[in-house]
Amino acid sequence: MTEQQPDDVPNSAASGQDIPTIVGPMGPVGQTTGAFFSGASAAPVAFPDPVHRPYPEPRPAGSAISAFSAVRTDAGLADSELGTLMETLGMEVTQRDAQCTHVRMPVEGALQVAGMLHGGATAALIETAASVAAREAAPSGSVPVGAELTVSHLRPVYEGWVTAVATPIHVGRRTAVYDVAVNDDENRQIARGTLRSLFT
């Protein structure tokens, strides 16, 4: 007795359709029926090369920043900070110092569905400002890694820029704790947070 193909899955040989080959990082990963690709091209689908790393080395720590090298004058970003979340969210470092670091970010492009600044973007700004400051305070050869972040959202903001100011609560040989206040363009505090980092 011959097994029949289900009506909704045509036999590719009988229908004369080419079946696309899906190519994964290690080569072809199998075939699928033409029913699922009725309007698709028969060209192979290529996945990104797993060896290629689009992010900087060393990998970003804590706030998605890596080792400081040269500083761009337009946004105050280190070369190693380009291509990170800092650049994605349009952050600009206006003051980079272990005692007081300022990082600002546009509200546009970081909104949530209700039209106000996304709390996750605010948290990223707080962690970034504290991490930039901790990097300046880090012992030679060490890199700060964010270990604990707390954030309190105080008021919504819908437009303009928000600025985070990070100041130290404690800087030791192995840890640093920074307090971060976030204000809007009218100098109203919209959030506050702390970041504890470990020097590794």
N, C-alpha and C. Protein backbone atom coordinates (compact mmCIF):
# COMPACT_ATOMS: atom_id res chain seq x y z
N MET A 1 0.86 -1.19 0.00
CA MET A 1 0.00 0.00 0.00
C MET A 1 0.90 1.24 0.00
N THR A 2 0.60 2.19 -0.87
CA THR A 2 1.44 3.38 -1.01
C THR A 2 0.90 4.49 -0.12
N GLU A 3 1.85 5.15 0.55
CA GLU A 3 1.46 6.27 1.40
C GLU A 3 1.23 7.50 0.56
N GLN A 4 0.13 8.21 0.80
CA GLN A 4 -0.18 9.40 0.01
C GLN A 4 0.23 10.65 0.78
N GLN A 5 0.63 11.68 0.03
CA GLN A 5 0.95 12.97 0.63
C GLN A 5 -0.35 13.64 1.04
N PRO A 6 -0.36 14.37 2.17
CA PRO A 6 -1.57 15.13 2.52
C PRO A 6 -1.86 16.16 1.43
N ASP A 7 -3.17 16.49 1.32
CA ASP A 7 -3.60 17.41 0.27
C ASP A 7 -2.92 18.77 0.36
N ASP A 8 -2.65 19.26 1.60
CA ASP A 8 -2.11 20.62 1.74
C ASP A 8 -0.59 20.66 1.62
N VAL A 9 0.10 19.54 1.46
CA VAL A 9 1.55 19.53 1.29
C VAL A 9 1.86 18.82 -0.02
N PRO A 10 1.95 19.55 -1.14
CA PRO A 10 2.17 18.92 -2.43
C PRO A 10 3.56 18.31 -2.53
N ASN A 11 3.65 17.23 -3.27
CA ASN A 11 4.94 16.60 -3.52
C ASN A 11 5.71 17.49 -4.48
N SER A 12 6.95 17.91 -4.08
CA SER A 12 7.68 18.88 -4.89
C SER A 12 8.07 18.30 -6.24
N ALA A 13 8.37 17.01 -6.28
CA ALA A 13 8.76 16.41 -7.55
C ALA A 13 7.58 16.41 -8.51
N ALA A 14 6.39 16.11 -7.97
CA ALA A 14 5.20 16.05 -8.81
C ALA A 14 4.81 17.45 -9.28
N SER A 15 4.97 18.44 -8.39
CA SER A 15 4.53 19.80 -8.76
C SER A 15 5.56 20.52 -9.61
N GLY A 16 6.80 20.00 -9.65
CA GLY A 16 7.83 20.62 -10.46
C GLY A 16 8.40 21.89 -9.85
N GLN A 17 8.14 22.11 -8.53
CA GLN A 17 8.65 23.32 -7.87
C GLN A 17 10.05 23.06 -7.31
N ASP A 18 10.90 24.10 -7.38
CA ASP A 18 12.20 24.01 -6.72
C ASP A 18 12.02 24.28 -5.24
N ILE A 19 12.70 23.50 -4.41
CA ILE A 19 12.61 23.69 -2.97
C ILE A 19 13.81 24.50 -2.51
N PRO A 20 13.59 25.64 -1.82
CA PRO A 20 14.72 26.44 -1.38
C PRO A 20 15.55 25.70 -0.34
N THR A 21 16.84 25.90 -0.38
CA THR A 21 17.73 25.32 0.61
C THR A 21 18.01 26.37 1.66
N ILE A 22 17.83 26.00 2.92
CA ILE A 22 18.12 26.91 4.01
C ILE A 22 19.54 26.59 4.49
N VAL A 23 20.39 27.62 4.46
CA VAL A 23 21.79 27.42 4.81
C VAL A 23 22.06 28.06 6.15
N GLY A 24 22.46 27.26 7.13
CA GLY A 24 22.80 27.76 8.46
C GLY A 24 24.29 28.02 8.55
N PRO A 25 24.76 28.41 9.75
CA PRO A 25 26.17 28.70 9.93
C PRO A 25 27.08 27.51 9.63
N MET A 26 26.57 26.29 9.79
CA MET A 26 27.37 25.10 9.57
C MET A 26 27.03 24.41 8.25
N GLY A 27 26.26 25.06 7.39
CA GLY A 27 25.90 24.46 6.11
C GLY A 27 24.40 24.26 6.01
N PRO A 28 23.93 23.49 4.99
CA PRO A 28 22.49 23.27 4.82
C PRO A 28 21.88 22.62 6.06
N VAL A 29 20.69 23.10 6.43
CA VAL A 29 20.04 22.55 7.63
C VAL A 29 18.80 21.75 7.28
N GLY A 30 18.60 21.42 6.05
CA GLY A 30 17.46 20.60 5.68
C GLY A 30 16.63 21.25 4.61
N GLN A 31 15.58 20.55 4.21
CA GLN A 31 14.70 21.05 3.17
C GLN A 31 13.31 21.17 3.75
N THR A 32 12.54 22.01 3.11
CA THR A 32 11.14 22.10 3.49
C THR A 32 10.31 22.14 2.22
N THR A 33 9.05 21.93 2.36
CA THR A 33 8.22 21.82 1.16
C THR A 33 7.98 23.18 0.54
N GLY A 34 7.70 23.17 -0.72
CA GLY A 34 7.42 24.40 -1.45
C GLY A 34 6.14 25.06 -1.03
N ALA A 35 5.26 24.32 -0.29
CA ALA A 35 3.99 24.89 0.12
C ALA A 35 4.19 26.11 1.01
N PHE A 36 5.27 26.08 1.79
CA PHE A 36 5.51 27.18 2.70
C PHE A 36 6.23 28.34 2.02
N PHE A 37 6.72 28.15 0.80
CA PHE A 37 7.48 29.17 0.10
C PHE A 37 6.89 29.43 -1.28
N SER A 38 5.56 29.39 -1.39
CA SER A 38 4.93 29.46 -2.70
C SER A 38 5.33 30.70 -3.48
N GLY A 39 5.52 31.84 -2.78
CA GLY A 39 5.90 33.05 -3.50
C GLY A 39 7.34 33.44 -3.27
N ALA A 40 8.11 32.58 -2.62
CA ALA A 40 9.47 32.95 -2.24
C ALA A 40 10.47 32.58 -3.29
N SER A 41 11.62 33.23 -3.24
CA SER A 41 12.71 32.91 -4.14
C SER A 41 13.32 31.58 -3.75
N ALA A 42 13.88 30.88 -4.72
CA ALA A 42 14.53 29.61 -4.45
C ALA A 42 15.97 29.79 -4.02
N ALA A 43 16.41 31.04 -3.85
CA ALA A 43 17.79 31.30 -3.44
C ALA A 43 18.01 30.86 -2.00
N PRO A 44 19.22 30.38 -1.68
CA PRO A 44 19.51 29.98 -0.30
C PRO A 44 19.38 31.15 0.66
N VAL A 45 18.97 30.85 1.89
CA VAL A 45 18.86 31.85 2.93
C VAL A 45 20.11 31.73 3.79
N ALA A 46 20.92 32.78 3.86
CA ALA A 46 22.18 32.71 4.60
C ALA A 46 22.03 33.35 5.97
N PHE A 47 22.59 32.70 6.98
CA PHE A 47 22.63 33.25 8.32
C PHE A 47 23.96 33.96 8.53
N PRO A 48 24.03 34.90 9.51
CA PRO A 48 25.29 35.60 9.74
C PRO A 48 26.41 34.63 10.13
N ASP A 49 27.60 34.98 9.75
CA ASP A 49 28.77 34.18 10.10
C ASP A 49 28.96 34.23 11.61
N PRO A 50 28.93 33.06 12.31
CA PRO A 50 29.03 33.07 13.77
C PRO A 50 30.39 33.53 14.27
N VAL A 51 31.39 33.52 13.40
CA VAL A 51 32.72 33.94 13.83
C VAL A 51 32.83 35.46 13.89
N HIS A 52 32.05 36.15 13.02
CA HIS A 52 32.10 37.62 12.97
C HIS A 52 31.42 38.21 14.19
N ARG A 53 32.07 39.11 14.90
CA ARG A 53 31.49 39.75 16.07
C ARG A 53 31.28 41.23 15.76
N PRO A 54 30.03 41.67 15.62
CA PRO A 54 29.78 43.07 15.28
C PRO A 54 30.01 44.02 16.44
N TYR A 55 30.14 43.49 17.67
CA TYR A 55 30.33 44.37 18.81
C TYR A 55 31.82 44.50 19.12
N PRO A 56 32.18 45.56 19.87
CA PRO A 56 33.61 45.81 20.11
C PRO A 56 34.22 44.81 21.06
N GLU A 57 35.52 44.68 21.01
CA GLU A 57 36.27 43.87 21.96
C GLU A 57 37.20 44.81 22.72
N PRO A 58 37.34 44.71 24.06
CA PRO A 58 36.63 43.76 24.88
C PRO A 58 35.13 44.03 24.90
N ARG A 59 34.34 43.00 25.18
CA ARG A 59 32.89 43.15 25.12
C ARG A 59 32.41 44.19 26.12
N PRO A 60 31.31 44.88 25.81
CA PRO A 60 30.80 45.92 26.71
C PRO A 60 30.48 45.37 28.08
N ALA A 61 30.76 46.13 29.11
CA ALA A 61 30.48 45.72 30.49
C ALA A 61 29.49 46.67 31.11
N GLY A 62 28.48 46.13 31.74
CA GLY A 62 27.52 46.94 32.50
C GLY A 62 26.66 47.81 31.64
N SER A 63 27.14 48.93 31.24
CA SER A 63 26.31 49.91 30.53
C SER A 63 26.52 49.88 29.03
N ALA A 64 27.06 48.83 28.53
CA ALA A 64 27.32 48.68 27.10
C ALA A 64 28.41 49.61 26.63
N ILE A 65 29.44 49.81 27.43
CA ILE A 65 30.60 50.56 27.00
C ILE A 65 31.83 49.73 27.24
N SER A 66 32.87 49.93 26.48
CA SER A 66 34.10 49.18 26.68
C SER A 66 35.25 50.14 26.90
N ALA A 67 36.48 49.65 26.85
CA ALA A 67 37.65 50.42 27.29
C ALA A 67 37.75 51.76 26.58
N PHE A 68 38.12 52.78 27.33
CA PHE A 68 38.24 54.14 26.80
C PHE A 68 39.46 54.25 25.89
N SER A 69 39.25 54.85 24.73
CA SER A 69 40.41 55.13 23.88
C SER A 69 40.36 56.60 23.51
N ALA A 70 40.10 56.91 22.24
CA ALA A 70 39.99 58.31 21.83
C ALA A 70 38.56 58.79 22.03
N VAL A 71 38.37 60.09 22.20
CA VAL A 71 37.04 60.64 22.44
C VAL A 71 36.60 61.44 21.22
N ARG A 72 35.37 61.17 20.76
CA ARG A 72 34.80 61.97 19.68
C ARG A 72 34.35 63.30 20.24
N THR A 73 34.59 64.37 19.51
CA THR A 73 34.21 65.68 20.02
C THR A 73 32.73 65.98 19.81
N ASP A 74 32.08 65.32 18.83
CA ASP A 74 30.69 65.68 18.54
C ASP A 74 29.73 65.17 19.59
N ALA A 75 29.91 63.96 20.09
CA ALA A 75 28.99 63.41 21.09
C ALA A 75 29.72 63.03 22.36
N GLY A 76 31.01 63.29 22.45
CA GLY A 76 31.75 62.95 23.65
C GLY A 76 31.87 61.46 23.87
N LEU A 77 31.76 60.66 22.81
CA LEU A 77 31.85 59.21 22.95
C LEU A 77 33.25 58.72 22.65
N ALA A 78 33.71 57.74 23.42
CA ALA A 78 34.97 57.09 23.10
C ALA A 78 34.77 56.23 21.87
N ASP A 79 35.85 55.99 21.11
CA ASP A 79 35.74 55.13 19.92
C ASP A 79 35.12 53.79 20.27
N SER A 80 35.48 53.25 21.42
CA SER A 80 34.96 51.94 21.83
C SER A 80 33.47 51.97 22.18
N GLU A 81 32.91 53.18 22.38
CA GLU A 81 31.50 53.30 22.70
C GLU A 81 30.62 53.40 21.46
N LEU A 82 31.25 53.56 20.30
CA LEU A 82 30.48 53.62 19.05
C LEU A 82 29.92 52.25 18.74
N GLY A 83 28.69 52.21 18.23
CA GLY A 83 28.06 50.94 17.89
C GLY A 83 27.44 50.25 19.09
N THR A 84 27.44 50.91 20.26
CA THR A 84 26.83 50.33 21.46
C THR A 84 25.46 50.95 21.69
N LEU A 85 24.83 50.56 22.80
CA LEU A 85 23.52 51.11 23.15
C LEU A 85 23.60 52.62 23.34
N MET A 86 24.75 53.11 23.77
CA MET A 86 24.92 54.55 23.94
C MET A 86 24.66 55.27 22.62
N GLU A 87 25.25 54.80 21.55
CA GLU A 87 25.06 55.43 20.25
C GLU A 87 23.65 55.18 19.72
N THR A 88 23.12 53.99 19.94
CA THR A 88 21.76 53.66 19.48
C THR A 88 20.73 54.62 20.07
N LEU A 89 20.88 54.94 21.37
CA LEU A 89 19.93 55.83 22.03
C LEU A 89 20.31 57.31 21.92
N GLY A 90 21.39 57.60 21.19
CA GLY A 90 21.79 58.98 20.97
C GLY A 90 22.39 59.66 22.19
N MET A 91 22.98 58.88 23.10
CA MET A 91 23.56 59.46 24.31
C MET A 91 24.80 60.29 23.97
N GLU A 92 25.00 61.34 24.75
CA GLU A 92 26.17 62.20 24.61
C GLU A 92 26.80 62.40 25.98
N VAL A 93 28.10 62.18 26.08
CA VAL A 93 28.82 62.41 27.32
C VAL A 93 29.32 63.86 27.30
N THR A 94 28.78 64.69 28.18
CA THR A 94 29.18 66.10 28.21
C THR A 94 30.20 66.39 29.29
N GLN A 95 30.31 65.49 30.25
CA GLN A 95 31.37 65.60 31.27
C GLN A 95 31.73 64.20 31.71
N ARG A 96 33.02 63.88 31.67
CA ARG A 96 33.50 62.53 31.98
C ARG A 96 34.51 62.63 33.11
N ASP A 97 34.08 62.32 34.34
CA ASP A 97 34.95 62.47 35.49
C ASP A 97 34.49 61.52 36.59
N ALA A 98 35.45 61.00 37.37
CA ALA A 98 35.12 60.06 38.45
C ALA A 98 34.24 60.70 39.52
N GLN A 99 34.36 62.02 39.71
CA GLN A 99 33.59 62.72 40.74
C GLN A 99 32.24 63.23 40.25
N CYS A 100 32.13 63.47 38.96
CA CYS A 100 30.86 63.97 38.41
C CYS A 100 30.83 63.76 36.91
N THR A 101 29.98 62.86 36.47
CA THR A 101 29.84 62.57 35.04
C THR A 101 28.44 62.94 34.57
N HIS A 102 28.36 63.61 33.42
CA HIS A 102 27.08 64.02 32.84
C HIS A 102 26.89 63.29 31.51
N VAL A 103 25.74 62.64 31.35
CA VAL A 103 25.38 61.99 30.08
C VAL A 103 23.95 62.39 29.75
N ARG A 104 23.74 62.87 28.52
CA ARG A 104 22.38 63.26 28.14
C ARG A 104 21.88 62.39 26.99
N MET A 105 20.55 62.34 26.85
CA MET A 105 19.91 61.46 25.86
C MET A 105 18.63 62.10 25.35
N PRO A 106 18.37 62.04 24.04
CA PRO A 106 17.10 62.58 23.54
C PRO A 106 15.94 61.66 23.90
N VAL A 107 14.80 62.27 24.19
CA VAL A 107 13.60 61.49 24.49
C VAL A 107 13.07 60.84 23.21
N GLU A 108 13.15 61.58 22.11
CA GLU A 108 12.69 61.05 20.83
C GLU A 108 13.52 59.80 20.47
N GLY A 109 12.82 58.76 20.07
CA GLY A 109 13.50 57.51 19.74
C GLY A 109 13.58 56.55 20.91
N ALA A 110 13.15 57.00 22.10
CA ALA A 110 13.19 56.14 23.30
C ALA A 110 11.85 56.16 24.02
N LEU A 111 10.78 56.28 23.23
CA LEU A 111 9.43 56.37 23.81
C LEU A 111 8.81 54.99 24.00
N GLN A 112 7.86 54.92 24.94
CA GLN A 112 7.02 53.73 25.05
C GLN A 112 5.66 54.02 24.40
N VAL A 113 4.77 53.04 24.41
CA VAL A 113 3.54 53.16 23.61
C VAL A 113 2.64 54.33 24.04
N ALA A 114 2.74 54.78 25.28
CA ALA A 114 1.91 55.90 25.74
C ALA A 114 2.50 57.25 25.36
N GLY A 115 3.65 57.24 24.67
CA GLY A 115 4.24 58.48 24.19
C GLY A 115 5.19 59.16 25.15
N MET A 116 5.54 58.49 26.25
CA MET A 116 6.49 59.07 27.20
C MET A 116 7.80 58.28 27.17
N LEU A 117 8.84 58.84 27.77
CA LEU A 117 10.14 58.19 27.81
C LEU A 117 10.03 56.81 28.44
N HIS A 118 10.58 55.82 27.77
CA HIS A 118 10.53 54.43 28.24
C HIS A 118 11.39 54.27 29.49
N GLY A 119 10.84 53.60 30.50
CA GLY A 119 11.58 53.39 31.74
C GLY A 119 12.88 52.61 31.54
N GLY A 120 12.88 51.70 30.56
CA GLY A 120 14.09 50.95 30.28
C GLY A 120 15.19 51.82 29.72
N ALA A 121 14.80 52.83 28.93
CA ALA A 121 15.78 53.77 28.38
C ALA A 121 16.35 54.64 29.50
N THR A 122 15.49 55.03 30.44
CA THR A 122 15.96 55.81 31.58
C THR A 122 16.95 54.99 32.41
N ALA A 123 16.62 53.72 32.63
CA ALA A 123 17.50 52.83 33.38
C ALA A 123 18.84 52.68 32.66
N ALA A 124 18.81 52.56 31.34
CA ALA A 124 20.05 52.44 30.56
C ALA A 124 20.88 53.70 30.69
N LEU A 125 20.23 54.86 30.71
CA LEU A 125 20.95 56.13 30.88
C LEU A 125 21.61 56.20 32.25
N ILE A 126 20.88 55.80 33.28
CA ILE A 126 21.42 55.81 34.64
C ILE A 126 22.62 54.88 34.75
N GLU A 127 22.49 53.67 34.23
CA GLU A 127 23.60 52.72 34.31
C GLU A 127 24.80 53.21 33.49
N THR A 128 24.53 53.82 32.36
CA THR A 128 25.61 54.32 31.53
C THR A 128 26.38 55.43 32.23
N ALA A 129 25.67 56.41 32.79
CA ALA A 129 26.34 57.52 33.46
C ALA A 129 27.19 57.02 34.62
N ALA A 130 26.65 56.11 35.42
CA ALA A 130 27.39 55.56 36.55
C ALA A 130 28.58 54.74 36.08
N SER A 131 28.43 54.01 34.99
CA SER A 131 29.52 53.18 34.47
C SER A 131 30.65 54.03 33.89
N VAL A 132 30.29 55.11 33.21
CA VAL A 132 31.31 56.01 32.66
C VAL A 132 32.13 56.60 33.81
N ALA A 133 31.45 57.03 34.88
CA ALA A 133 32.14 57.58 36.04
C ALA A 133 33.01 56.53 36.73
N ALA A 134 32.45 55.33 36.88
CA ALA A 134 33.20 54.24 37.54
C ALA A 134 34.43 53.85 36.73
N ARG A 135 34.32 53.96 35.42
CA ARG A 135 35.48 53.64 34.58
C ARG A 135 36.62 54.63 34.84
N GLU A 136 36.25 55.89 35.07
CA GLU A 136 37.26 56.89 35.38
C GLU A 136 37.90 56.66 36.75
N ALA A 137 37.12 56.05 37.65
CA ALA A 137 37.61 55.80 39.02
C ALA A 137 38.30 54.44 39.16
N ALA A 138 38.20 53.60 38.16
CA ALA A 138 38.70 52.23 38.26
C ALA A 138 40.21 52.19 38.45
N PRO A 139 40.70 51.27 39.29
CA PRO A 139 42.14 51.08 39.41
C PRO A 139 42.74 50.69 38.06
N SER A 140 44.00 51.01 37.87
CA SER A 140 44.67 50.72 36.60
C SER A 140 44.53 49.24 36.24
N GLY A 141 44.14 49.00 35.00
CA GLY A 141 43.99 47.62 34.51
C GLY A 141 42.67 46.97 34.85
N SER A 142 41.79 47.69 35.57
CA SER A 142 40.47 47.13 35.95
C SER A 142 39.36 47.74 35.10
N VAL A 143 38.28 46.99 34.99
CA VAL A 143 37.09 47.45 34.27
C VAL A 143 35.88 47.29 35.18
N PRO A 144 35.04 48.33 35.33
CA PRO A 144 33.84 48.18 36.16
C PRO A 144 32.75 47.40 35.44
N VAL A 145 32.14 46.49 36.17
CA VAL A 145 31.03 45.70 35.64
C VAL A 145 29.82 45.95 36.53
N GLY A 146 28.72 46.40 35.94
CA GLY A 146 27.51 46.66 36.73
C GLY A 146 27.00 45.41 37.40
N ALA A 147 26.75 45.49 38.72
CA ALA A 147 26.30 44.33 39.49
C ALA A 147 24.89 44.51 40.06
N GLU A 148 24.52 45.74 40.37
CA GLU A 148 23.19 45.98 40.95
C GLU A 148 22.71 47.37 40.57
N LEU A 149 21.53 47.43 39.98
CA LEU A 149 20.96 48.70 39.54
C LEU A 149 19.59 48.89 40.18
N THR A 150 19.37 50.07 40.76
CA THR A 150 18.03 50.41 41.26
C THR A 150 17.61 51.72 40.61
N VAL A 151 16.32 51.79 40.24
CA VAL A 151 15.81 52.97 39.54
C VAL A 151 14.44 53.34 40.11
N SER A 152 14.25 54.61 40.40
CA SER A 152 12.92 55.12 40.77
C SER A 152 12.49 56.12 39.70
N HIS A 153 11.35 55.87 39.06
CA HIS A 153 10.80 56.79 38.06
C HIS A 153 9.88 57.77 38.79
N LEU A 154 10.15 59.07 38.64
CA LEU A 154 9.45 60.07 39.44
C LEU A 154 8.40 60.85 38.67
N ARG A 155 8.64 61.15 37.39
CA ARG A 155 7.65 61.87 36.61
C ARG A 155 7.87 61.56 35.13
N PRO A 156 6.81 61.63 34.32
CA PRO A 156 6.97 61.34 32.89
C PRO A 156 7.60 62.51 32.15
N VAL A 157 8.21 62.21 31.02
CA VAL A 157 8.73 63.25 30.13
C VAL A 157 8.41 62.82 28.71
N TYR A 158 7.99 63.77 27.88
CA TYR A 158 7.48 63.44 26.55
C TYR A 158 8.35 63.94 25.40
N GLU A 159 9.22 64.88 25.68
CA GLU A 159 10.03 65.46 24.60
C GLU A 159 11.29 66.09 25.16
N GLY A 160 12.15 66.52 24.25
CA GLY A 160 13.38 67.19 24.65
C GLY A 160 14.49 66.20 24.98
N TRP A 161 15.31 66.57 25.96
CA TRP A 161 16.45 65.77 26.38
C TRP A 161 16.35 65.51 27.88
N VAL A 162 16.96 64.41 28.30
CA VAL A 162 17.11 64.15 29.73
C VAL A 162 18.62 64.00 30.00
N THR A 163 19.04 64.49 31.17
CA THR A 163 20.46 64.47 31.52
C THR A 163 20.67 63.75 32.84
N ALA A 164 21.58 62.79 32.82
CA ALA A 164 21.93 62.03 34.03
C ALA A 164 23.24 62.57 34.59
N VAL A 165 23.25 62.78 35.91
CA VAL A 165 24.46 63.24 36.60
C VAL A 165 24.82 62.20 37.64
N ALA A 166 25.99 61.60 37.46
CA ALA A 166 26.45 60.54 38.36
C ALA A 166 27.51 61.07 39.32
N THR A 167 27.30 60.84 40.63
CA THR A 167 28.27 61.24 41.65
C THR A 167 28.52 60.04 42.56
N PRO A 168 29.75 59.91 43.10
CA PRO A 168 30.08 58.73 43.88
C PRO A 168 29.47 58.74 45.28
N ILE A 169 29.00 57.57 45.69
CA ILE A 169 28.62 57.34 47.09
C ILE A 169 29.77 56.62 47.78
N HIS A 170 30.38 55.70 47.05
CA HIS A 170 31.52 54.94 47.58
C HIS A 170 32.39 54.48 46.41
N VAL A 171 33.69 54.67 46.53
CA VAL A 171 34.64 54.12 45.57
C VAL A 171 35.76 53.45 46.36
N GLY A 172 35.83 52.14 46.21
CA GLY A 172 36.85 51.37 46.92
C GLY A 172 37.78 50.67 45.95
N ARG A 173 38.53 49.71 46.48
CA ARG A 173 39.46 48.97 45.63
C ARG A 173 38.74 47.96 44.74
N ARG A 174 37.60 47.47 45.21
CA ARG A 174 36.90 46.42 44.45
C ARG A 174 35.51 46.79 43.99
N THR A 175 34.92 47.80 44.58
CA THR A 175 33.56 48.19 44.21
C THR A 175 33.43 49.70 44.13
N ALA A 176 32.39 50.12 43.41
CA ALA A 176 32.03 51.54 43.35
C ALA A 176 30.51 51.63 43.34
N VAL A 177 29.98 52.59 44.06
CA VAL A 177 28.54 52.83 44.07
C VAL A 177 28.32 54.28 43.69
N TYR A 178 27.51 54.49 42.66
CA TYR A 178 27.23 55.84 42.19
C TYR A 178 25.74 56.15 42.30
N ASP A 179 25.46 57.38 42.72
CA ASP A 179 24.10 57.92 42.73
C ASP A 179 23.92 58.69 41.42
N VAL A 180 22.75 58.51 40.80
CA VAL A 180 22.51 59.18 39.51
C VAL A 180 21.14 59.87 39.55
N ALA A 181 21.14 61.17 39.28
CA ALA A 181 19.90 61.94 39.17
C ALA A 181 19.67 62.26 37.70
N VAL A 182 18.43 62.10 37.25
CA VAL A 182 18.08 62.38 35.85
C VAL A 182 17.07 63.52 35.82
N ASN A 183 17.42 64.60 35.11
CA ASN A 183 16.56 65.78 35.00
C ASN A 183 16.15 66.03 33.56
N ASP A 184 15.02 66.70 33.38
CA ASP A 184 14.58 67.07 32.04
C ASP A 184 15.12 68.45 31.67
N ASP A 185 14.68 68.98 30.55
CA ASP A 185 15.18 70.28 30.07
C ASP A 185 14.81 71.44 31.01
N GLU A 186 13.76 71.25 31.82
CA GLU A 186 13.34 72.30 32.77
C GLU A 186 13.92 72.06 34.15
N ASN A 187 14.93 71.19 34.21
CA ASN A 187 15.64 70.87 35.46
C ASN A 187 14.75 70.22 36.51
N ARG A 188 13.68 69.53 36.05
CA ARG A 188 12.85 68.77 36.97
C ARG A 188 13.39 67.35 37.03
N GLN A 189 13.49 66.81 38.22
CA GLN A 189 14.02 65.45 38.37
C GLN A 189 12.96 64.45 37.92
N ILE A 190 13.31 63.63 36.93
CA ILE A 190 12.34 62.66 36.40
C ILE A 190 12.64 61.23 36.86
N ALA A 191 13.86 61.00 37.35
CA ALA A 191 14.22 59.67 37.84
C ALA A 191 15.47 59.77 38.70
N ARG A 192 15.67 58.75 39.53
CA ARG A 192 16.88 58.67 40.35
C ARG A 192 17.24 57.21 40.49
N GLY A 193 18.54 56.94 40.54
CA GLY A 193 18.96 55.54 40.67
C GLY A 193 20.35 55.41 41.21
N THR A 194 20.73 54.19 41.53
CA THR A 194 22.09 53.89 41.97
C THR A 194 22.59 52.67 41.21
N LEU A 195 23.90 52.64 40.99
CA LEU A 195 24.54 51.48 40.38
C LEU A 195 25.73 51.07 41.23
N ARG A 196 25.76 49.78 41.57
CA ARG A 196 26.93 49.20 42.22
C ARG A 196 27.71 48.43 41.18
N SER A 197 28.98 48.78 41.03
CA SER A 197 29.84 48.11 40.04
C SER A 197 30.97 47.39 40.75
N LEU A 198 31.43 46.31 40.12
CA LEU A 198 32.58 45.56 40.61
C LEU A 198 33.75 45.85 39.68
N PHE A 199 34.92 46.10 40.24
CA PHE A 199 36.12 46.28 39.43
C PHE A 199 36.71 44.90 39.14
N THR A 200 36.77 44.55 37.85
CA THR A 200 37.28 43.23 37.49
C THR A 200 38.56 43.34 36.66
